[in-house]
N, C-alpha and C. Protein backbone atom coordinates (compact mmCIF):
# COMPACT_ATOMS: atom_id res chain seq x y z
N MET A 1 -19.97 -12.79 -7.99
CA MET A 1 -19.07 -13.08 -9.08
C MET A 1 -18.68 -14.56 -9.00
N ALA A 2 -18.77 -15.26 -10.09
CA ALA A 2 -18.46 -16.68 -10.13
C ALA A 2 -16.96 -16.90 -9.92
N ALA A 3 -16.61 -18.05 -9.36
CA ALA A 3 -15.21 -18.35 -9.06
C ALA A 3 -14.35 -18.39 -10.32
N ASN A 4 -14.96 -18.74 -11.45
CA ASN A 4 -14.17 -18.83 -12.68
C ASN A 4 -14.28 -17.56 -13.53
N ASP A 5 -14.81 -16.49 -12.95
CA ASP A 5 -14.92 -15.21 -13.63
C ASP A 5 -13.52 -14.73 -14.03
N PRO A 6 -13.30 -14.42 -15.33
CA PRO A 6 -11.95 -14.01 -15.77
C PRO A 6 -11.44 -12.75 -15.06
N LEU A 7 -12.34 -11.81 -14.75
CA LEU A 7 -11.92 -10.59 -14.08
C LEU A 7 -11.39 -10.92 -12.68
N LYS A 8 -12.10 -11.77 -11.99
CA LYS A 8 -11.68 -12.16 -10.65
C LYS A 8 -10.33 -12.88 -10.71
N LYS A 9 -10.16 -13.76 -11.70
CA LYS A 9 -8.89 -14.48 -11.86
C LYS A 9 -7.78 -13.48 -12.16
N ALA A 10 -8.04 -12.51 -13.03
CA ALA A 10 -7.04 -11.49 -13.37
C ALA A 10 -6.65 -10.69 -12.13
N ASN A 11 -7.62 -10.33 -11.31
CA ASN A 11 -7.34 -9.57 -10.09
C ASN A 11 -6.50 -10.40 -9.12
N ARG A 12 -6.80 -11.70 -9.02
CA ARG A 12 -6.04 -12.58 -8.14
C ARG A 12 -4.61 -12.76 -8.66
N ARG A 13 -4.46 -12.80 -9.97
CA ARG A 13 -3.11 -12.90 -10.56
C ARG A 13 -2.36 -11.58 -10.39
N GLY A 14 -3.05 -10.47 -10.56
CA GLY A 14 -2.42 -9.16 -10.34
C GLY A 14 -1.91 -9.04 -8.91
N ALA A 15 -2.73 -9.49 -7.96
CA ALA A 15 -2.32 -9.48 -6.55
C ALA A 15 -1.13 -10.42 -6.33
N ALA A 16 -1.12 -11.55 -7.03
CA ALA A 16 0.00 -12.50 -6.92
C ALA A 16 1.28 -11.87 -7.48
N ARG A 17 1.16 -11.13 -8.58
CA ARG A 17 2.33 -10.46 -9.16
C ARG A 17 2.90 -9.43 -8.20
N LEU A 18 2.02 -8.62 -7.61
CA LEU A 18 2.46 -7.61 -6.65
C LEU A 18 3.15 -8.28 -5.46
N ALA A 19 2.54 -9.34 -4.95
CA ALA A 19 3.13 -10.06 -3.81
C ALA A 19 4.46 -10.70 -4.21
N ALA A 20 4.54 -11.24 -5.43
CA ALA A 20 5.78 -11.87 -5.90
C ALA A 20 6.91 -10.84 -5.98
N VAL A 21 6.62 -9.66 -6.50
CA VAL A 21 7.63 -8.61 -6.59
C VAL A 21 8.09 -8.20 -5.19
N GLN A 22 7.14 -8.07 -4.27
CA GLN A 22 7.50 -7.71 -2.90
C GLN A 22 8.36 -8.81 -2.26
N ALA A 23 8.02 -10.05 -2.52
CA ALA A 23 8.78 -11.18 -1.97
C ALA A 23 10.19 -11.21 -2.55
N LEU A 24 10.31 -11.02 -3.86
CA LEU A 24 11.63 -11.02 -4.51
C LEU A 24 12.48 -9.86 -4.00
N TYR A 25 11.85 -8.71 -3.80
CA TYR A 25 12.55 -7.55 -3.24
C TYR A 25 13.08 -7.88 -1.85
N GLN A 26 12.24 -8.45 -1.04
CA GLN A 26 12.63 -8.80 0.32
C GLN A 26 13.77 -9.81 0.32
N MET A 27 13.71 -10.78 -0.59
CA MET A 27 14.77 -11.77 -0.69
C MET A 27 16.08 -11.11 -1.10
N ASP A 28 16.00 -10.16 -2.02
CA ASP A 28 17.18 -9.46 -2.53
C ASP A 28 17.81 -8.59 -1.44
N ILE A 29 16.99 -7.85 -0.71
CA ILE A 29 17.47 -6.90 0.30
C ILE A 29 17.88 -7.60 1.59
N ALA A 30 17.02 -8.50 2.07
CA ALA A 30 17.25 -9.11 3.39
C ALA A 30 17.91 -10.49 3.31
N GLY A 31 18.00 -11.03 2.09
CA GLY A 31 18.60 -12.35 1.95
C GLY A 31 17.73 -13.47 2.51
N ALA A 32 16.42 -13.23 2.58
CA ALA A 32 15.50 -14.25 3.10
C ALA A 32 15.45 -15.45 2.17
N GLY A 33 15.26 -16.63 2.74
CA GLY A 33 15.17 -17.85 1.95
C GLY A 33 13.78 -18.07 1.38
N LEU A 34 13.71 -18.92 0.38
CA LEU A 34 12.46 -19.19 -0.32
C LEU A 34 11.37 -19.71 0.61
N ASN A 35 11.68 -20.70 1.44
CA ASN A 35 10.66 -21.26 2.33
C ASN A 35 10.16 -20.24 3.34
N ASP A 36 11.08 -19.41 3.85
CA ASP A 36 10.67 -18.36 4.79
C ASP A 36 9.76 -17.35 4.11
N ILE A 37 10.11 -17.00 2.88
CA ILE A 37 9.30 -16.04 2.13
C ILE A 37 7.90 -16.60 1.88
N PHE A 38 7.82 -17.86 1.44
CA PHE A 38 6.51 -18.47 1.20
C PHE A 38 5.68 -18.47 2.48
N ALA A 39 6.28 -18.87 3.56
CA ALA A 39 5.54 -18.94 4.83
C ALA A 39 5.05 -17.55 5.24
N GLU A 40 5.92 -16.57 5.17
CA GLU A 40 5.54 -15.22 5.58
C GLU A 40 4.45 -14.64 4.68
N PHE A 41 4.64 -14.75 3.38
CA PHE A 41 3.68 -14.13 2.47
C PHE A 41 2.33 -14.83 2.51
N GLU A 42 2.35 -16.14 2.62
CA GLU A 42 1.07 -16.86 2.63
C GLU A 42 0.32 -16.66 3.94
N SER A 43 1.03 -16.41 5.03
CA SER A 43 0.30 -16.21 6.29
C SER A 43 -0.03 -14.74 6.56
N HIS A 44 0.77 -13.82 6.02
CA HIS A 44 0.57 -12.42 6.35
C HIS A 44 0.11 -11.52 5.21
N TRP A 45 0.52 -11.81 4.00
CA TRP A 45 0.30 -10.87 2.92
C TRP A 45 -0.83 -11.24 1.98
N LEU A 46 -0.97 -12.49 1.66
CA LEU A 46 -1.91 -12.86 0.60
C LEU A 46 -3.35 -12.77 1.09
N GLY A 47 -4.01 -11.67 0.70
CA GLY A 47 -5.41 -11.49 1.03
C GLY A 47 -5.66 -10.96 2.42
N ASN A 48 -4.66 -10.37 3.03
CA ASN A 48 -4.81 -9.84 4.38
C ASN A 48 -4.50 -8.35 4.40
N GLU A 49 -4.64 -7.80 5.58
CA GLU A 49 -4.33 -6.39 5.76
C GLU A 49 -2.93 -6.28 6.34
N VAL A 50 -2.10 -5.44 5.73
CA VAL A 50 -0.74 -5.24 6.21
C VAL A 50 -0.52 -3.74 6.34
N GLU A 51 -0.11 -3.31 7.51
CA GLU A 51 0.15 -1.89 7.77
C GLU A 51 -1.01 -1.02 7.29
N GLY A 52 -2.22 -1.46 7.55
CA GLY A 52 -3.40 -0.68 7.23
C GLY A 52 -3.91 -0.79 5.80
N ASP A 53 -3.17 -1.48 4.94
CA ASP A 53 -3.61 -1.65 3.55
C ASP A 53 -4.20 -3.04 3.37
N LYS A 54 -5.37 -3.10 2.75
CA LYS A 54 -6.01 -4.39 2.48
C LYS A 54 -5.51 -4.89 1.14
N TYR A 55 -4.97 -6.11 1.14
CA TYR A 55 -4.48 -6.70 -0.09
C TYR A 55 -5.50 -7.69 -0.62
N LEU A 56 -5.68 -7.68 -1.93
CA LEU A 56 -6.58 -8.64 -2.56
C LEU A 56 -6.04 -10.05 -2.36
N PRO A 57 -6.95 -11.04 -2.29
CA PRO A 57 -6.45 -12.41 -2.23
C PRO A 57 -5.68 -12.71 -3.51
N ALA A 58 -4.53 -13.29 -3.37
CA ALA A 58 -3.70 -13.61 -4.52
C ALA A 58 -3.82 -15.08 -4.85
N GLU A 59 -3.60 -15.39 -6.10
CA GLU A 59 -3.57 -16.78 -6.54
C GLU A 59 -2.24 -17.37 -6.05
N ALA A 60 -2.31 -18.14 -4.96
CA ALA A 60 -1.10 -18.62 -4.29
C ALA A 60 -0.20 -19.46 -5.20
N ALA A 61 -0.79 -20.31 -6.02
CA ALA A 61 0.02 -21.17 -6.90
C ALA A 61 0.78 -20.32 -7.91
N PHE A 62 0.15 -19.27 -8.41
CA PHE A 62 0.80 -18.37 -9.37
C PHE A 62 1.94 -17.61 -8.68
N PHE A 63 1.68 -17.11 -7.48
CA PHE A 63 2.69 -16.44 -6.66
C PHE A 63 3.91 -17.34 -6.47
N ARG A 64 3.65 -18.58 -6.03
CA ARG A 64 4.75 -19.54 -5.79
C ARG A 64 5.52 -19.82 -7.08
N ASP A 65 4.81 -19.97 -8.20
CA ASP A 65 5.46 -20.27 -9.47
C ASP A 65 6.40 -19.13 -9.88
N VAL A 66 5.92 -17.90 -9.81
CA VAL A 66 6.74 -16.77 -10.22
C VAL A 66 7.96 -16.62 -9.30
N VAL A 67 7.75 -16.65 -8.00
CA VAL A 67 8.86 -16.46 -7.07
C VAL A 67 9.89 -17.59 -7.20
N SER A 68 9.43 -18.83 -7.16
CA SER A 68 10.38 -19.95 -7.23
C SER A 68 11.03 -20.02 -8.61
N GLY A 69 10.29 -19.66 -9.66
CA GLY A 69 10.86 -19.64 -11.01
C GLY A 69 11.95 -18.61 -11.16
N VAL A 70 11.74 -17.42 -10.60
CA VAL A 70 12.77 -16.38 -10.66
C VAL A 70 14.02 -16.83 -9.90
N VAL A 71 13.81 -17.39 -8.72
CA VAL A 71 14.95 -17.86 -7.92
C VAL A 71 15.71 -18.95 -8.68
N ARG A 72 14.99 -19.89 -9.25
CA ARG A 72 15.61 -21.00 -9.98
C ARG A 72 16.36 -20.52 -11.22
N ASP A 73 15.78 -19.56 -11.95
CA ASP A 73 16.31 -19.13 -13.25
C ASP A 73 17.07 -17.81 -13.21
N GLN A 74 17.33 -17.28 -12.03
CA GLN A 74 17.90 -15.93 -11.93
C GLN A 74 19.22 -15.79 -12.68
N THR A 75 20.07 -16.80 -12.65
CA THR A 75 21.36 -16.68 -13.34
C THR A 75 21.19 -16.63 -14.86
N LYS A 76 20.06 -17.13 -15.34
CA LYS A 76 19.76 -17.06 -16.77
C LYS A 76 18.99 -15.76 -17.10
N LEU A 77 18.09 -15.34 -16.20
CA LEU A 77 17.25 -14.17 -16.44
C LEU A 77 18.05 -12.86 -16.35
N ASP A 78 18.94 -12.76 -15.37
CA ASP A 78 19.65 -11.49 -15.17
C ASP A 78 20.43 -11.04 -16.40
N PRO A 79 21.19 -11.92 -17.07
CA PRO A 79 21.90 -11.45 -18.28
C PRO A 79 20.93 -11.02 -19.39
N LEU A 80 19.77 -11.64 -19.48
CA LEU A 80 18.78 -11.25 -20.49
C LEU A 80 18.24 -9.85 -20.20
N VAL A 81 17.94 -9.59 -18.92
CA VAL A 81 17.47 -8.26 -18.53
C VAL A 81 18.59 -7.25 -18.74
N ASP A 82 19.80 -7.61 -18.34
CA ASP A 82 20.97 -6.74 -18.54
C ASP A 82 21.10 -6.33 -20.01
N ASP A 83 20.97 -7.30 -20.92
CA ASP A 83 21.09 -7.02 -22.35
C ASP A 83 20.01 -6.05 -22.83
N ALA A 84 18.84 -6.14 -22.22
CA ALA A 84 17.73 -5.29 -22.64
C ALA A 84 17.81 -3.88 -22.05
N LEU A 85 18.58 -3.71 -20.99
CA LEU A 85 18.74 -2.40 -20.38
C LEU A 85 19.62 -1.51 -21.26
N ALA A 86 19.43 -0.22 -21.11
CA ALA A 86 20.27 0.74 -21.84
C ALA A 86 21.73 0.53 -21.45
N LYS A 87 22.61 0.72 -22.39
CA LYS A 87 24.04 0.57 -22.12
C LYS A 87 24.44 1.50 -20.97
N GLY A 88 25.29 1.00 -20.11
CA GLY A 88 25.74 1.81 -18.99
C GLY A 88 24.85 1.67 -17.75
N TRP A 89 23.79 0.91 -17.87
CA TRP A 89 22.90 0.70 -16.72
C TRP A 89 22.76 -0.79 -16.44
N PRO A 90 23.80 -1.42 -15.92
CA PRO A 90 23.69 -2.84 -15.62
C PRO A 90 22.64 -3.07 -14.53
N LEU A 91 22.08 -4.25 -14.54
CA LEU A 91 21.00 -4.60 -13.61
C LEU A 91 21.40 -4.31 -12.16
N LYS A 92 22.66 -4.52 -11.81
CA LYS A 92 23.06 -4.31 -10.42
C LYS A 92 22.99 -2.84 -10.01
N ARG A 93 22.92 -1.91 -10.98
CA ARG A 93 22.79 -0.48 -10.66
C ARG A 93 21.32 -0.05 -10.55
N ILE A 94 20.42 -0.91 -10.91
CA ILE A 94 18.99 -0.60 -10.89
C ILE A 94 18.46 -0.81 -9.47
N ASP A 95 17.53 0.03 -9.05
CA ASP A 95 16.91 -0.09 -7.73
C ASP A 95 16.37 -1.51 -7.52
N ALA A 96 16.49 -2.02 -6.32
CA ALA A 96 16.12 -3.41 -6.01
C ALA A 96 14.67 -3.73 -6.36
N ILE A 97 13.76 -2.79 -6.16
CA ILE A 97 12.34 -3.08 -6.45
C ILE A 97 12.15 -3.21 -7.97
N ILE A 98 12.87 -2.42 -8.75
CA ILE A 98 12.77 -2.52 -10.21
C ILE A 98 13.42 -3.80 -10.69
N ARG A 99 14.52 -4.20 -10.07
CA ARG A 99 15.13 -5.50 -10.40
C ARG A 99 14.12 -6.62 -10.19
N ALA A 100 13.40 -6.56 -9.08
CA ALA A 100 12.41 -7.59 -8.78
C ALA A 100 11.30 -7.60 -9.83
N VAL A 101 10.83 -6.42 -10.23
CA VAL A 101 9.78 -6.32 -11.25
C VAL A 101 10.27 -6.92 -12.57
N MET A 102 11.48 -6.54 -12.98
CA MET A 102 12.01 -7.02 -14.26
C MET A 102 12.26 -8.52 -14.25
N ARG A 103 12.77 -9.03 -13.14
CA ARG A 103 13.01 -10.48 -13.05
C ARG A 103 11.70 -11.25 -13.12
N ALA A 104 10.70 -10.79 -12.38
CA ALA A 104 9.40 -11.48 -12.39
C ALA A 104 8.77 -11.42 -13.77
N GLY A 105 8.82 -10.25 -14.39
CA GLY A 105 8.27 -10.10 -15.74
C GLY A 105 8.99 -10.97 -16.75
N ALA A 106 10.31 -10.99 -16.67
CA ALA A 106 11.10 -11.82 -17.59
C ALA A 106 10.77 -13.30 -17.41
N TYR A 107 10.65 -13.73 -16.16
CA TYR A 107 10.30 -15.13 -15.90
C TYR A 107 8.94 -15.47 -16.52
N GLU A 108 7.96 -14.60 -16.25
CA GLU A 108 6.61 -14.88 -16.74
C GLU A 108 6.56 -14.87 -18.27
N LEU A 109 7.29 -13.95 -18.91
CA LEU A 109 7.30 -13.92 -20.37
C LEU A 109 7.89 -15.19 -20.95
N GLU A 110 8.91 -15.72 -20.30
CA GLU A 110 9.55 -16.92 -20.83
C GLU A 110 8.75 -18.19 -20.52
N HIS A 111 8.16 -18.27 -19.34
CA HIS A 111 7.60 -19.54 -18.89
C HIS A 111 6.08 -19.63 -18.80
N ARG A 112 5.38 -18.50 -18.75
CA ARG A 112 3.93 -18.54 -18.59
C ARG A 112 3.25 -18.18 -19.90
N LYS A 113 3.34 -19.09 -20.86
CA LYS A 113 2.77 -18.84 -22.19
C LYS A 113 1.24 -18.78 -22.15
N ASP A 114 0.65 -19.18 -21.01
CA ASP A 114 -0.80 -19.11 -20.86
C ASP A 114 -1.28 -17.67 -20.68
N VAL A 115 -0.35 -16.74 -20.46
CA VAL A 115 -0.70 -15.33 -20.29
C VAL A 115 -0.13 -14.57 -21.48
N PRO A 116 -0.96 -13.82 -22.22
CA PRO A 116 -0.45 -13.07 -23.38
C PRO A 116 0.67 -12.11 -22.98
N ALA A 117 1.66 -11.99 -23.84
CA ALA A 117 2.85 -11.16 -23.55
C ALA A 117 2.48 -9.72 -23.21
N ARG A 118 1.55 -9.14 -23.95
CA ARG A 118 1.19 -7.74 -23.69
C ARG A 118 0.54 -7.58 -22.31
N VAL A 119 -0.17 -8.60 -21.87
CA VAL A 119 -0.78 -8.57 -20.53
C VAL A 119 0.33 -8.60 -19.48
N VAL A 120 1.32 -9.46 -19.68
CA VAL A 120 2.44 -9.55 -18.73
C VAL A 120 3.14 -8.19 -18.61
N VAL A 121 3.47 -7.59 -19.76
CA VAL A 121 4.17 -6.30 -19.75
C VAL A 121 3.33 -5.25 -19.03
N THR A 122 2.06 -5.14 -19.37
CA THR A 122 1.18 -4.15 -18.76
C THR A 122 1.06 -4.36 -17.25
N GLU A 123 0.88 -5.61 -16.86
CA GLU A 123 0.74 -5.92 -15.43
C GLU A 123 1.97 -5.51 -14.63
N TYR A 124 3.15 -5.81 -15.14
CA TYR A 124 4.37 -5.47 -14.39
C TYR A 124 4.68 -3.98 -14.43
N VAL A 125 4.28 -3.29 -15.49
CA VAL A 125 4.40 -1.83 -15.50
C VAL A 125 3.49 -1.26 -14.42
N ASP A 126 2.28 -1.81 -14.28
CA ASP A 126 1.36 -1.38 -13.22
C ASP A 126 1.95 -1.64 -11.83
N VAL A 127 2.57 -2.81 -11.66
CA VAL A 127 3.20 -3.12 -10.37
C VAL A 127 4.32 -2.10 -10.09
N ALA A 128 5.15 -1.84 -11.09
CA ALA A 128 6.24 -0.88 -10.92
C ALA A 128 5.70 0.50 -10.54
N ASN A 129 4.56 0.87 -11.14
CA ASN A 129 3.91 2.15 -10.87
C ASN A 129 3.57 2.33 -9.40
N ALA A 130 3.34 1.23 -8.70
CA ALA A 130 3.01 1.30 -7.28
C ALA A 130 4.22 1.72 -6.44
N PHE A 131 5.43 1.60 -7.01
CA PHE A 131 6.64 1.83 -6.22
C PHE A 131 7.52 2.98 -6.71
N VAL A 132 7.49 3.27 -8.00
CA VAL A 132 8.44 4.24 -8.55
C VAL A 132 7.75 5.25 -9.47
N ASP A 133 8.51 6.24 -9.92
CA ASP A 133 7.93 7.28 -10.78
C ASP A 133 7.85 6.84 -12.24
N ARG A 134 7.23 7.68 -13.03
CA ARG A 134 6.92 7.37 -14.43
C ARG A 134 8.15 7.05 -15.28
N GLU A 135 9.25 7.74 -15.03
CA GLU A 135 10.46 7.52 -15.82
C GLU A 135 10.94 6.07 -15.66
N GLU A 136 10.91 5.58 -14.43
CA GLU A 136 11.35 4.21 -14.19
C GLU A 136 10.34 3.19 -14.72
N THR A 137 9.05 3.52 -14.70
CA THR A 137 8.09 2.57 -15.27
C THR A 137 8.26 2.51 -16.78
N GLY A 138 8.69 3.60 -17.39
CA GLY A 138 8.99 3.59 -18.83
C GLY A 138 10.14 2.64 -19.14
N MET A 139 11.13 2.62 -18.26
CA MET A 139 12.26 1.71 -18.44
C MET A 139 11.78 0.26 -18.30
N VAL A 140 10.93 0.00 -17.33
CA VAL A 140 10.37 -1.35 -17.15
C VAL A 140 9.61 -1.76 -18.41
N ASN A 141 8.79 -0.85 -18.93
CA ASN A 141 8.02 -1.13 -20.13
C ASN A 141 8.94 -1.46 -21.31
N ALA A 142 9.99 -0.66 -21.49
CA ALA A 142 10.91 -0.86 -22.62
C ALA A 142 11.64 -2.20 -22.51
N VAL A 143 12.13 -2.51 -21.32
CA VAL A 143 12.88 -3.76 -21.11
C VAL A 143 11.97 -4.97 -21.31
N LEU A 144 10.79 -4.94 -20.68
CA LEU A 144 9.89 -6.09 -20.79
C LEU A 144 9.34 -6.23 -22.21
N ASP A 145 9.11 -5.12 -22.89
CA ASP A 145 8.65 -5.21 -24.28
C ASP A 145 9.71 -5.87 -25.15
N GLN A 146 10.96 -5.49 -24.94
CA GLN A 146 12.07 -6.10 -25.69
C GLN A 146 12.15 -7.60 -25.41
N LEU A 147 12.02 -7.98 -24.13
CA LEU A 147 12.06 -9.40 -23.77
C LEU A 147 10.85 -10.15 -24.32
N ALA A 148 9.70 -9.49 -24.32
CA ALA A 148 8.48 -10.11 -24.85
C ALA A 148 8.67 -10.44 -26.33
N ARG A 149 9.25 -9.52 -27.07
CA ARG A 149 9.47 -9.74 -28.50
C ARG A 149 10.51 -10.84 -28.74
N ARG A 150 11.39 -11.02 -27.78
CA ARG A 150 12.38 -12.09 -27.90
C ARG A 150 11.76 -13.45 -27.57
N PHE A 151 11.05 -13.52 -26.44
CA PHE A 151 10.47 -14.79 -25.99
C PHE A 151 9.20 -15.17 -26.74
N ARG A 152 8.46 -14.18 -27.21
CA ARG A 152 7.14 -14.42 -27.81
C ARG A 152 7.03 -13.78 -29.18
N ALA A 153 8.04 -13.91 -29.99
CA ALA A 153 8.05 -13.28 -31.31
C ALA A 153 6.80 -13.63 -32.11
N ASP A 154 6.30 -14.85 -31.94
CA ASP A 154 5.11 -15.28 -32.69
C ASP A 154 3.89 -14.44 -32.36
N GLU A 155 3.72 -14.04 -31.09
CA GLU A 155 2.58 -13.21 -30.71
C GLU A 155 2.64 -11.85 -31.39
N PHE A 156 3.84 -11.29 -31.52
CA PHE A 156 4.00 -9.98 -32.13
C PHE A 156 3.92 -10.05 -33.65
N ALA A 157 4.40 -11.13 -34.22
CA ALA A 157 4.33 -11.33 -35.67
C ALA A 157 2.87 -11.37 -36.13
N ARG A 158 2.02 -12.00 -35.35
CA ARG A 158 0.59 -12.10 -35.70
C ARG A 158 -0.08 -10.75 -35.66
N SER A 159 0.26 -9.90 -34.66
CA SER A 159 -0.47 -8.64 -34.52
C SER A 159 0.23 -7.45 -35.18
N ASP A 160 1.54 -7.53 -35.39
CA ASP A 160 2.25 -6.41 -36.00
C ASP A 160 2.16 -6.43 -37.52
N GLY A 161 2.01 -7.65 -38.07
CA GLY A 161 2.05 -7.81 -39.52
C GLY A 161 0.88 -7.27 -40.20
């Protein structure tokens, strides 16, 4: 497979998204710092075997962008995710892994215009699927779809019309 093969790039980005969500979760739960997270994930997780599971090589620059972007923009992203959640379910009541998925997805929808919105939503629903049941992935899908329509209204106007 050629290095510039789109499927290979997509797989590397998918692995980066999974690693980014795991890193954000770890930062949320353990209070780990950004530099520590980068060092740990780049030496142990990206493209290596962890606890018997082989992880695909991730696109390190994409991983770093998503994680550092979420950390930088979290005070702006959290209220947006909160608004998209069903009433009575503030972000702080959502499981930490789902918070990480939603924050990463929200960041990518707002800042990574090089990736189509529907791809972002689908990818993060798939990531959520690795950790939680179908009901919670439905919530992730609904929240990210709402944010996608807010951040990328032009993409939906072209295909919905």
